[in-house]
Amino acid sequence: MYDDHRRTGTEPRTARSPLRLRLLLASVFFPLFIAGTALFATWSANSTPDDSPGDTVLAVLAGICAALALTAAVDLLVIARRLRTEHR
C-alpha cells in the first residue's frame, strides 16, 4: 500500500499498526474467549435459582465472551488480509 515508510508528517493518515502483535494477541485470546463462552453458558444452563452467581449474570458473561470472541475472529481476518496485501 505505502512503499515509503519514512516519516513525512502525515503519520495519522498513513499510520501502521503492529500486525504481528495483533496477530499474537488475537490468536491467544480467541480460543480463551470461546472457552469462556462455553464455560459460562454451561454453568448458566446448569445453575439453580438459589445459586450465586445467578443464571442471568452467567448468561451475560457468556454473551460478553462471545462478543469478544467474535471481535478477535474478525481481527484475525483483517490481519490476515493486511498481511497478504503487505507481502505483495
PDB file of N, CA and C in Angstrom:
ATOM      1  N   MET A   1       0.836  -1.178   0.000  1.00  0.00           N
ATOM      2  CA  MET A   1       0.000   0.000   0.000  1.00  0.00           C
ATOM      3  C   MET A   1       0.883   1.243   0.000  1.00  0.00           C
ATOM      4  N   TYR A   2       1.674   1.438   1.063  1.00  0.00           N
ATOM      5  CA  TYR A   2       2.589   2.563   1.134  1.00  0.00           C
ATOM      6  C   TYR A   2       4.000   1.989   1.143  1.00  0.00           C
ATOM      7  N   ASP A   3       4.743   2.209   0.076  1.00  0.00           N
ATOM      8  CA  ASP A   3       6.071   1.643  -0.040  1.00  0.00           C
ATOM      9  C   ASP A   3       7.120   2.468   0.682  1.00  0.00           C
ATOM     10  N   ASP A   4       6.871   3.727   0.911  1.00  0.00           N
ATOM     11  CA  ASP A   4       7.829   4.602   1.549  1.00  0.00           C
ATOM     12  C   ASP A   4       7.424   4.789   3.007  1.00  0.00           C
ATOM     13  N   HIS A   5       8.227   4.276   3.928  1.00  0.00           N
ATOM     14  CA  HIS A   5       7.861   4.319   5.350  1.00  0.00           C
ATOM     15  C   HIS A   5       8.643   5.365   6.129  1.00  0.00           C
ATOM     16  N   ARG A   6       9.221   6.322   5.445  1.00  0.00           N
ATOM     17  CA  ARG A   6       9.908   7.408   6.142  1.00  0.00           C
ATOM     18  C   ARG A   6       8.878   8.326   6.784  1.00  0.00           C
ATOM     19  N   ARG A   7       9.275   9.001   7.822  1.00  0.00           N
ATOM     20  CA  ARG A   7       8.378   9.951   8.485  1.00  0.00           C
ATOM     21  C   ARG A   7       8.157  11.146   7.564  1.00  0.00           C
ATOM     22  N   THR A   8       6.899  11.458   7.301  1.00  0.00           N
ATOM     23  CA  THR A   8       6.580  12.553   6.387  1.00  0.00           C
ATOM     24  C   THR A   8       5.723  13.620   7.031  1.00  0.00           C
ATOM     25  N   GLY A   9       5.310  13.407   8.266  1.00  0.00           N
ATOM     26  CA  GLY A   9       4.413  14.353   8.918  1.00  0.00           C
ATOM     27  C   GLY A   9       2.953  14.025   8.682  1.00  0.00           C
ATOM     28  N   THR A  10       2.678  12.971   7.940  1.00  0.00           N
ATOM     29  CA  THR A  10       1.293  12.555   7.680  1.00  0.00           C
ATOM     30  C   THR A  10       0.997  11.210   8.339  1.00  0.00           C
ATOM     31  N   GLU A  11       1.657  10.911   9.439  1.00  0.00           N
ATOM     32  CA  GLU A  11       1.519   9.604  10.077  1.00  0.00           C
ATOM     33  C   GLU A  11       0.084   9.223  10.447  1.00  0.00           C
ATOM     34  N   PRO A  12      -0.767  10.132  10.928  1.00  0.00           N
ATOM     35  CA  PRO A  12      -2.127   9.694  11.238  1.00  0.00           C
ATOM     36  C   PRO A  12      -2.851   9.106  10.031  1.00  0.00           C
ATOM     37  N   ARG A  13      -2.577   9.618   8.841  1.00  0.00           N
ATOM     38  CA  ARG A  13      -3.229   9.111   7.648  1.00  0.00           C
ATOM     39  C   ARG A  13      -2.592   7.802   7.187  1.00  0.00           C
ATOM     40  N   THR A  14      -1.304   7.678   7.393  1.00  0.00           N
ATOM     41  CA  THR A  14      -0.586   6.500   6.914  1.00  0.00           C
ATOM     42  C   THR A  14      -0.052   5.645   8.050  1.00  0.00           C
ATOM     43  N   ALA A  15      -0.616   5.769   9.232  1.00  0.00           N
ATOM     44  CA  ALA A  15      -0.125   5.026  10.391  1.00  0.00           C
ATOM     45  C   ALA A  15      -0.271   3.526  10.158  1.00  0.00           C
ATOM     46  N   ARG A  16       0.672   2.791  10.685  1.00  0.00           N
ATOM     47  CA  ARG A  16       0.663   1.341  10.545  1.00  0.00           C
ATOM     48  C   ARG A  16       0.574   0.728  11.928  1.00  0.00           C
ATOM     49  N   SER A  17      -0.284  -0.276  12.075  1.00  0.00           N
ATOM     50  CA  SER A  17      -0.403  -0.945  13.363  1.00  0.00           C
ATOM     51  C   SER A  17       0.560  -2.124  13.413  1.00  0.00           C
ATOM     52  N   PRO A  18       0.958  -2.539  14.612  1.00  0.00           N
ATOM     53  CA  PRO A  18       1.854  -3.690  14.744  1.00  0.00           C
ATOM     54  C   PRO A  18       1.073  -4.987  14.481  1.00  0.00           C
ATOM     55  N   LEU A  19       1.032  -5.418  13.231  1.00  0.00           N
ATOM     56  CA  LEU A  19       0.193  -6.546  12.832  1.00  0.00           C
ATOM     57  C   LEU A  19       0.603  -7.846  13.510  1.00  0.00           C
ATOM     58  N   ARG A  20       1.888  -8.061  13.672  1.00  0.00           N
ATOM     59  CA  ARG A  20       2.342  -9.317  14.299  1.00  0.00           C
ATOM     60  C   ARG A  20       1.875  -9.396  15.754  1.00  0.00           C
ATOM     61  N   LEU A  21       1.931  -8.283  16.472  1.00  0.00           N
ATOM     62  CA  LEU A  21       1.451  -8.272  17.857  1.00  0.00           C
ATOM     63  C   LEU A  21      -0.051  -8.486  17.907  1.00  0.00           C
ATOM     64  N   ARG A  22      -0.779  -7.834  17.011  1.00  0.00           N
ATOM     65  CA  ARG A  22      -2.230  -8.043  16.952  1.00  0.00           C
ATOM     66  C   ARG A  22      -2.555  -9.487  16.624  1.00  0.00           C
ATOM     67  N   LEU A  23      -1.786 -10.084  15.727  1.00  0.00           N
ATOM     68  CA  LEU A  23      -1.984 -11.486  15.368  1.00  0.00           C
ATOM     69  C   LEU A  23      -1.756 -12.387  16.579  1.00  0.00           C
ATOM     70  N   LEU A  24      -0.705 -12.129  17.330  1.00  0.00           N
ATOM     71  CA  LEU A  24      -0.414 -12.913  18.528  1.00  0.00           C
ATOM     72  C   LEU A  24      -1.534 -12.780  19.557  1.00  0.00           C
ATOM     73  N   LEU A  25      -1.944 -11.550  19.833  1.00  0.00           N
ATOM     74  CA  LEU A  25      -2.983 -11.328  20.844  1.00  0.00           C
ATOM     75  C   LEU A  25      -4.319 -11.939  20.434  1.00  0.00           C
ATOM     76  N   ALA A  26      -4.715 -11.749  19.187  1.00  0.00           N
ATOM     77  CA  ALA A  26      -5.978 -12.313  18.727  1.00  0.00           C
ATOM     78  C   ALA A  26      -5.924 -13.837  18.713  1.00  0.00           C
ATOM     79  N   SER A  27      -4.763 -14.404  18.366  1.00  0.00           N
ATOM     80  CA  SER A  27      -4.616 -15.858  18.344  1.00  0.00           C
ATOM     81  C   SER A  27      -4.680 -16.459  19.742  1.00  0.00           C
ATOM     82  N   VAL A  28      -4.196 -15.729  20.720  1.00  0.00           N
ATOM     83  CA  VAL A  28      -4.238 -16.221  22.103  1.00  0.00           C
ATOM     84  C   VAL A  28      -5.632 -16.041  22.694  1.00  0.00           C
ATOM     85  N   PHE A  29      -6.233 -14.887  22.496  1.00  0.00           N
ATOM     86  CA  PHE A  29      -7.486 -14.597  23.172  1.00  0.00           C
ATOM     87  C   PHE A  29      -8.720 -15.174  22.494  1.00  0.00           C
ATOM     88  N   PHE A  30      -8.676 -15.446  21.192  1.00  0.00           N
ATOM     89  CA  PHE A  30      -9.829 -16.049  20.529  1.00  0.00           C
ATOM     90  C   PHE A  30     -10.220 -17.380  21.174  1.00  0.00           C
ATOM     91  N   PRO A  31      -9.294 -18.340  21.334  1.00  0.00           N
ATOM     92  CA  PRO A  31      -9.701 -19.599  21.982  1.00  0.00           C
ATOM     93  C   PRO A  31     -10.082 -19.423  23.454  1.00  0.00           C
ATOM     94  N   LEU A  32      -9.453 -18.467  24.127  1.00  0.00           N
ATOM     95  CA  LEU A  32      -9.816 -18.230  25.532  1.00  0.00           C
ATOM     96  C   LEU A  32     -11.244 -17.704  25.651  1.00  0.00           C
ATOM     97  N   PHE A  33     -11.633 -16.796  24.764  1.00  0.00           N
ATOM     98  CA  PHE A  33     -12.998 -16.278  24.796  1.00  0.00           C
ATOM     99  C   PHE A  33     -14.016 -17.335  24.383  1.00  0.00           C
ATOM    100  N   ILE A  34     -13.644 -18.218  23.450  1.00  0.00           N
ATOM    101  CA  ILE A  34     -14.528 -19.325  23.084  1.00  0.00           C
ATOM    102  C   ILE A  34     -14.719 -20.248  24.291  1.00  0.00           C
ATOM    103  N   ALA A  35     -13.628 -20.555  24.984  1.00  0.00           N
ATOM    104  CA  ALA A  35     -13.713 -21.404  26.173  1.00  0.00           C
ATOM    105  C   ALA A  35     -14.542 -20.729  27.264  1.00  0.00           C
ATOM    106  N   GLY A  36     -14.360 -19.429  27.443  1.00  0.00           N
ATOM    107  CA  GLY A  36     -15.151 -18.688  28.429  1.00  0.00           C
ATOM    108  C   GLY A  36     -16.629 -18.698  28.090  1.00  0.00           C
ATOM    109  N   THR A  37     -16.945 -18.555  26.798  1.00  0.00           N
ATOM    110  CA  THR A  37     -18.339 -18.607  26.364  1.00  0.00           C
ATOM    111  C   THR A  37     -18.950 -19.960  26.705  1.00  0.00           C
ATOM    112  N   ALA A  38     -18.234 -21.028  26.368  1.00  0.00           N
ATOM    113  CA  ALA A  38     -18.739 -22.385  26.651  1.00  0.00           C
ATOM    114  C   ALA A  38     -18.877 -22.618  28.150  1.00  0.00           C
ATOM    115  N   LEU A  39     -17.891 -22.182  28.921  1.00  0.00           N
ATOM    116  CA  LEU A  39     -17.923 -22.377  30.379  1.00  0.00           C
ATOM    117  C   LEU A  39     -19.112 -21.646  31.007  1.00  0.00           C
ATOM    118  N   PHE A  40     -19.250 -20.360  30.701  1.00  0.00           N
ATOM    119  CA  PHE A  40     -20.322 -19.579  31.318  1.00  0.00           C
ATOM    120  C   PHE A  40     -21.704 -20.024  30.838  1.00  0.00           C
ATOM    121  N   ALA A  41     -21.815 -20.407  29.566  1.00  0.00           N
ATOM    122  CA  ALA A  41     -23.104 -20.877  29.060  1.00  0.00           C
ATOM    123  C   ALA A  41     -23.502 -22.195  29.722  1.00  0.00           C
ATOM    124  N   THR A  42     -22.548 -23.106  29.862  1.00  0.00           N
ATOM    125  CA  THR A  42     -22.832 -24.383  30.529  1.00  0.00           C
ATOM    126  C   THR A  42     -23.159 -24.174  31.997  1.00  0.00           C
ATOM    127  N   TRP A  43     -22.397 -23.325  32.657  1.00  0.00           N
ATOM    128  CA  TRP A  43     -22.626 -23.033  34.067  1.00  0.00           C
ATOM    129  C   TRP A  43     -24.000 -22.396  34.254  1.00  0.00           C
ATOM    130  N   SER A  44     -24.355 -21.481  33.353  1.00  0.00           N
ATOM    131  CA  SER A  44     -25.663 -20.833  33.429  1.00  0.00           C
ATOM    132  C   SER A  44     -26.791 -21.843  33.222  1.00  0.00           C
ATOM    133  N   ALA A  45     -26.618 -22.752  32.273  1.00  0.00           N
ATOM    134  CA  ALA A  45     -27.660 -23.740  31.985  1.00  0.00           C
ATOM    135  C   ALA A  45     -27.840 -24.726  33.135  1.00  0.00           C
ATOM    136  N   ASN A  46     -26.779 -24.997  33.870  1.00  0.00           N
ATOM    137  CA  ASN A  46     -26.847 -25.979  34.960  1.00  0.00           C
ATOM    138  C   ASN A  46     -27.085 -25.364  36.327  1.00  0.00           C
ATOM    139  N   SER A  47     -27.222 -24.039  36.412  1.00  0.00           N
ATOM    140  CA  SER A  47     -27.415 -23.398  37.717  1.00  0.00           C
ATOM    141  C   SER A  47     -28.883 -23.473  38.141  1.00  0.00           C
ATOM    142  N   THR A  48     -29.071 -23.455  39.436  1.00  0.00           N
ATOM    143  CA  THR A  48     -30.419 -23.462  40.010  1.00  0.00           C
ATOM    144  C   THR A  48     -30.757 -22.049  40.466  1.00  0.00           C
ATOM    145  N   PRO A  49     -32.016 -21.775  40.744  1.00  0.00           N
ATOM    146  CA  PRO A  49     -32.393 -20.407  41.158  1.00  0.00           C
ATOM    147  C   PRO A  49     -31.698 -19.927  42.429  1.00  0.00           C
ATOM    148  N   ASP A  50     -31.243 -20.830  43.281  1.00  0.00           N
ATOM    149  CA  ASP A  50     -30.593 -20.425  44.536  1.00  0.00           C
ATOM    150  C   ASP A  50     -29.089 -20.251  44.400  1.00  0.00           C
ATOM    151  N   ASP A  51     -28.530 -20.560  43.239  1.00  0.00           N
ATOM    152  CA  ASP A  51     -27.082 -20.456  43.050  1.00  0.00           C
ATOM    153  C   ASP A  51     -26.644 -18.997  42.971  1.00  0.00           C
ATOM    154  N   SER A  52     -25.387 -18.802  43.367  1.00  0.00           N
ATOM    155  CA  SER A  52     -24.786 -17.483  43.236  1.00  0.00           C
ATOM    156  C   SER A  52     -23.448 -17.663  42.543  1.00  0.00           C
ATOM    157  N   PRO A  53     -23.147 -17.004  41.476  1.00  0.00           N
ATOM    158  CA  PRO A  53     -23.951 -16.017  40.775  1.00  0.00           C
ATOM    159  C   PRO A  53     -25.130 -16.654  40.051  1.00  0.00           C
ATOM    160  N   GLY A  54     -26.118 -15.847  39.788  1.00  0.00           N
ATOM    161  CA  GLY A  54     -27.335 -16.323  39.162  1.00  0.00           C
ATOM    162  C   GLY A  54     -27.145 -16.640  37.687  1.00  0.00           C
ATOM    163  N   ASP A  55     -28.154 -17.322  37.136  1.00  0.00           N
ATOM    164  CA  ASP A  55     -28.046 -17.724  35.737  1.00  0.00           C
ATOM    165  C   ASP A  55     -28.054 -16.529  34.782  1.00  0.00           C
ATOM    166  N   THR A  56     -28.687 -15.432  35.167  1.00  0.00           N
ATOM    167  CA  THR A  56     -28.697 -14.241  34.316  1.00  0.00           C
ATOM    168  C   THR A  56     -27.299 -13.632  34.208  1.00  0.00           C
ATOM    169  N   VAL A  57     -26.623 -13.538  35.336  1.00  0.00           N
ATOM    170  CA  VAL A  57     -25.261 -12.993  35.343  1.00  0.00           C
ATOM    171  C   VAL A  57     -24.343 -13.868  34.499  1.00  0.00           C
ATOM    172  N   LEU A  58     -24.484 -15.177  34.636  1.00  0.00           N
ATOM    173  CA  LEU A  58     -23.637 -16.090  33.870  1.00  0.00           C
ATOM    174  C   LEU A  58     -23.945 -16.018  32.376  1.00  0.00           C
ATOM    175  N   ALA A  59     -25.209 -15.855  32.041  1.00  0.00           N
ATOM    176  CA  ALA A  59     -25.585 -15.725  30.625  1.00  0.00           C
ATOM    177  C   ALA A  59     -25.025 -14.425  30.042  1.00  0.00           C
ATOM    178  N   VAL A  60     -25.024 -13.354  30.820  1.00  0.00           N
ATOM    179  CA  VAL A  60     -24.452 -12.085  30.365  1.00  0.00           C
ATOM    180  C   VAL A  60     -22.951 -12.243  30.155  1.00  0.00           C
ATOM    181  N   LEU A  61     -22.279 -12.931  31.074  1.00  0.00           N
ATOM    182  CA  LEU A  61     -20.843 -13.163  30.920  1.00  0.00           C
ATOM    183  C   LEU A  61     -20.557 -14.019  29.684  1.00  0.00           C
ATOM    184  N   ALA A  62     -21.409 -15.002  29.423  1.00  0.00           N
ATOM    185  CA  ALA A  62     -21.257 -15.821  28.217  1.00  0.00           C
ATOM    186  C   ALA A  62     -21.435 -14.956  26.968  1.00  0.00           C
ATOM    187  N   GLY A  63     -22.387 -14.047  26.996  1.00  0.00           N
ATOM    188  CA  GLY A  63     -22.599 -13.146  25.869  1.00  0.00           C
ATOM    189  C   GLY A  63     -21.429 -12.199  25.643  1.00  0.00           C
ATOM    190  N   ILE A  64     -20.865 -11.692  26.726  1.00  0.00           N
ATOM    191  CA  ILE A  64     -19.698 -10.814  26.619  1.00  0.00           C
ATOM    192  C   ILE A  64     -18.517 -11.570  26.031  1.00  0.00           C
ATOM    193  N   CYS A  65     -18.293 -12.796  26.510  1.00  0.00           N
ATOM    194  CA  CYS A  65     -17.198 -13.609  25.969  1.00  0.00           C
ATOM    195  C   CYS A  65     -17.431 -13.917  24.493  1.00  0.00           C
ATOM    196  N   ALA A  66     -18.676 -14.186  24.118  1.00  0.00           N
ATOM    197  CA  ALA A  66     -18.987 -14.469  22.707  1.00  0.00           C
ATOM    198  C   ALA A  66     -18.718 -13.238  21.843  1.00  0.00           C
ATOM    199  N   ALA A  67     -19.093 -12.067  22.334  1.00  0.00           N
ATOM    200  CA  ALA A  67     -18.845 -10.836  21.578  1.00  0.00           C
ATOM    201  C   ALA A  67     -17.347 -10.573  21.427  1.00  0.00           C
ATOM    202  N   LEU A  68     -16.584 -10.823  22.476  1.00  0.00           N
ATOM    203  CA  LEU A  68     -15.139 -10.638  22.402  1.00  0.00           C
ATOM    204  C   LEU A  68     -14.490 -11.667  21.477  1.00  0.00           C
ATOM    205  N   ALA A  69     -15.011 -12.900  21.484  1.00  0.00           N
ATOM    206  CA  ALA A  69     -14.503 -13.925  20.562  1.00  0.00           C
ATOM    207  C   ALA A  69     -14.785 -13.530  19.117  1.00  0.00           C
ATOM    208  N   LEU A  70     -15.957 -12.989  18.866  1.00  0.00           N
ATOM    209  CA  LEU A  70     -16.297 -12.533  17.525  1.00  0.00           C
ATOM    210  C   LEU A  70     -15.379 -11.391  17.093  1.00  0.00           C
ATOM    211  N   THR A  71     -15.099 -10.482  18.001  1.00  0.00           N
ATOM    212  CA  THR A  71     -14.191  -9.377  17.713  1.00  0.00           C
ATOM    213  C   THR A  71     -12.789  -9.895  17.389  1.00  0.00           C
ATOM    214  N   ALA A  72     -12.313 -10.863  18.163  1.00  0.00           N
ATOM    215  CA  ALA A  72     -10.991 -11.442  17.907  1.00  0.00           C
ATOM    216  C   ALA A  72     -10.968 -12.165  16.560  1.00  0.00           C
ATOM    217  N   ALA A  73     -12.052 -12.863  16.217  1.00  0.00           N
ATOM    218  CA  ALA A  73     -12.119 -13.576  14.936  1.00  0.00           C
ATOM    219  C   ALA A  73     -12.096 -12.604  13.764  1.00  0.00           C
ATOM    220  N   VAL A  74     -12.841 -11.525  13.875  1.00  0.00           N
ATOM    221  CA  VAL A  74     -12.844 -10.509  12.807  1.00  0.00           C
ATOM    222  C   VAL A  74     -11.461  -9.875  12.700  1.00  0.00           C
ATOM    223  N   ASP A  75     -10.819  -9.623  13.835  1.00  0.00           N
ATOM    224  CA  ASP A  75      -9.482  -9.048  13.825  1.00  0.00           C
ATOM    225  C   ASP A  75      -8.497 -10.003  13.148  1.00  0.00           C
ATOM    226  N   LEU A  76      -8.624 -11.297  13.393  1.00  0.00           N
ATOM    227  CA  LEU A  76      -7.762 -12.274  12.724  1.00  0.00           C
ATOM    228  C   LEU A  76      -7.944 -12.225  11.210  1.00  0.00           C
ATOM    229  N   LEU A  77      -9.178 -12.091  10.756  1.00  0.00           N
ATOM    230  CA  LEU A  77      -9.435 -11.995   9.319  1.00  0.00           C
ATOM    231  C   LEU A  77      -8.838 -10.715   8.725  1.00  0.00           C
ATOM    232  N   VAL A  78      -8.991  -9.610   9.418  1.00  0.00           N
ATOM    233  CA  VAL A  78      -8.448  -8.335   8.942  1.00  0.00           C
ATOM    234  C   VAL A  78      -6.925  -8.397   8.902  1.00  0.00           C
ATOM    235  N   ILE A  79      -6.323  -8.959   9.929  1.00  0.00           N
ATOM    236  CA  ILE A  79      -4.864  -9.070   9.978  1.00  0.00           C
ATOM    237  C   ILE A  79      -4.359  -9.947   8.840  1.00  0.00           C
ATOM    238  N   ALA A  80      -5.024 -11.068   8.604  1.00  0.00           N
ATOM    239  CA  ALA A  80      -4.604 -11.968   7.520  1.00  0.00           C
ATOM    240  C   ALA A  80      -4.682 -11.257   6.174  1.00  0.00           C
ATOM    241  N   ARG A  81      -5.738 -10.507   5.952  1.00  0.00           N
ATOM    242  CA  ARG A  81      -5.872  -9.773   4.686  1.00  0.00           C
ATOM    243  C   ARG A  81      -4.779  -8.719   4.560  1.00  0.00           C
ATOM    244  N   ARG A  82      -4.515  -7.993   5.633  1.00  0.00           N
ATOM    245  CA  ARG A  82      -3.480  -6.947   5.568  1.00  0.00           C
ATOM    246  C   ARG A  82      -2.092  -7.535   5.376  1.00  0.00           C
ATOM    247  N   LEU A  83      -1.823  -8.668   6.006  1.00  0.00           N
ATOM    248  CA  LEU A  83      -0.526  -9.302   5.822  1.00  0.00           C
ATOM    249  C   LEU A  83      -0.348  -9.811   4.393  1.00  0.00           C
ATOM    250  N   ARG A  84      -1.419 -10.330   3.809  1.00  0.00           N
ATOM    251  CA  ARG A  84      -1.352 -10.775   2.413  1.00  0.00           C
ATOM    252  C   ARG A  84      -1.061  -9.609   1.485  1.00  0.00           C
ATOM    253  N   THR A  85      -1.750  -8.489   1.680  1.00  0.00           N
ATOM    254  CA  THR A  85      -1.515  -7.337   0.805  1.00  0.00           C
ATOM    255  C   THR A  85      -0.155  -6.699   1.061  1.00  0.00           C
ATOM    256  N   GLU A  86       0.337  -6.803   2.284  1.00  0.00           N
ATOM    257  CA  GLU A  86       1.654  -6.239   2.614  1.00  0.00           C
ATOM    258  C   GLU A  86       2.768  -7.030   1.935  1.00  0.00           C
ATOM    259  N   HIS A  87       2.590  -8.325   1.768  1.00  0.00           N
ATOM    260  CA  HIS A  87       3.635  -9.160   1.176  1.00  0.00           C
ATOM    261  C   HIS A  87       3.612  -9.139  -0.344  1.00  0.00           C
ATOM    262  N   ARG A  88       2.646  -8.513  -0.956  1.00  0.00           N
ATOM    263  CA  ARG A  88       2.584  -8.428  -2.426  1.00  0.00           C
ATOM    264  C   ARG A  88       3.489  -7.367  -2.954  1.00  0.00           C
TER     265      ARG A  88
END
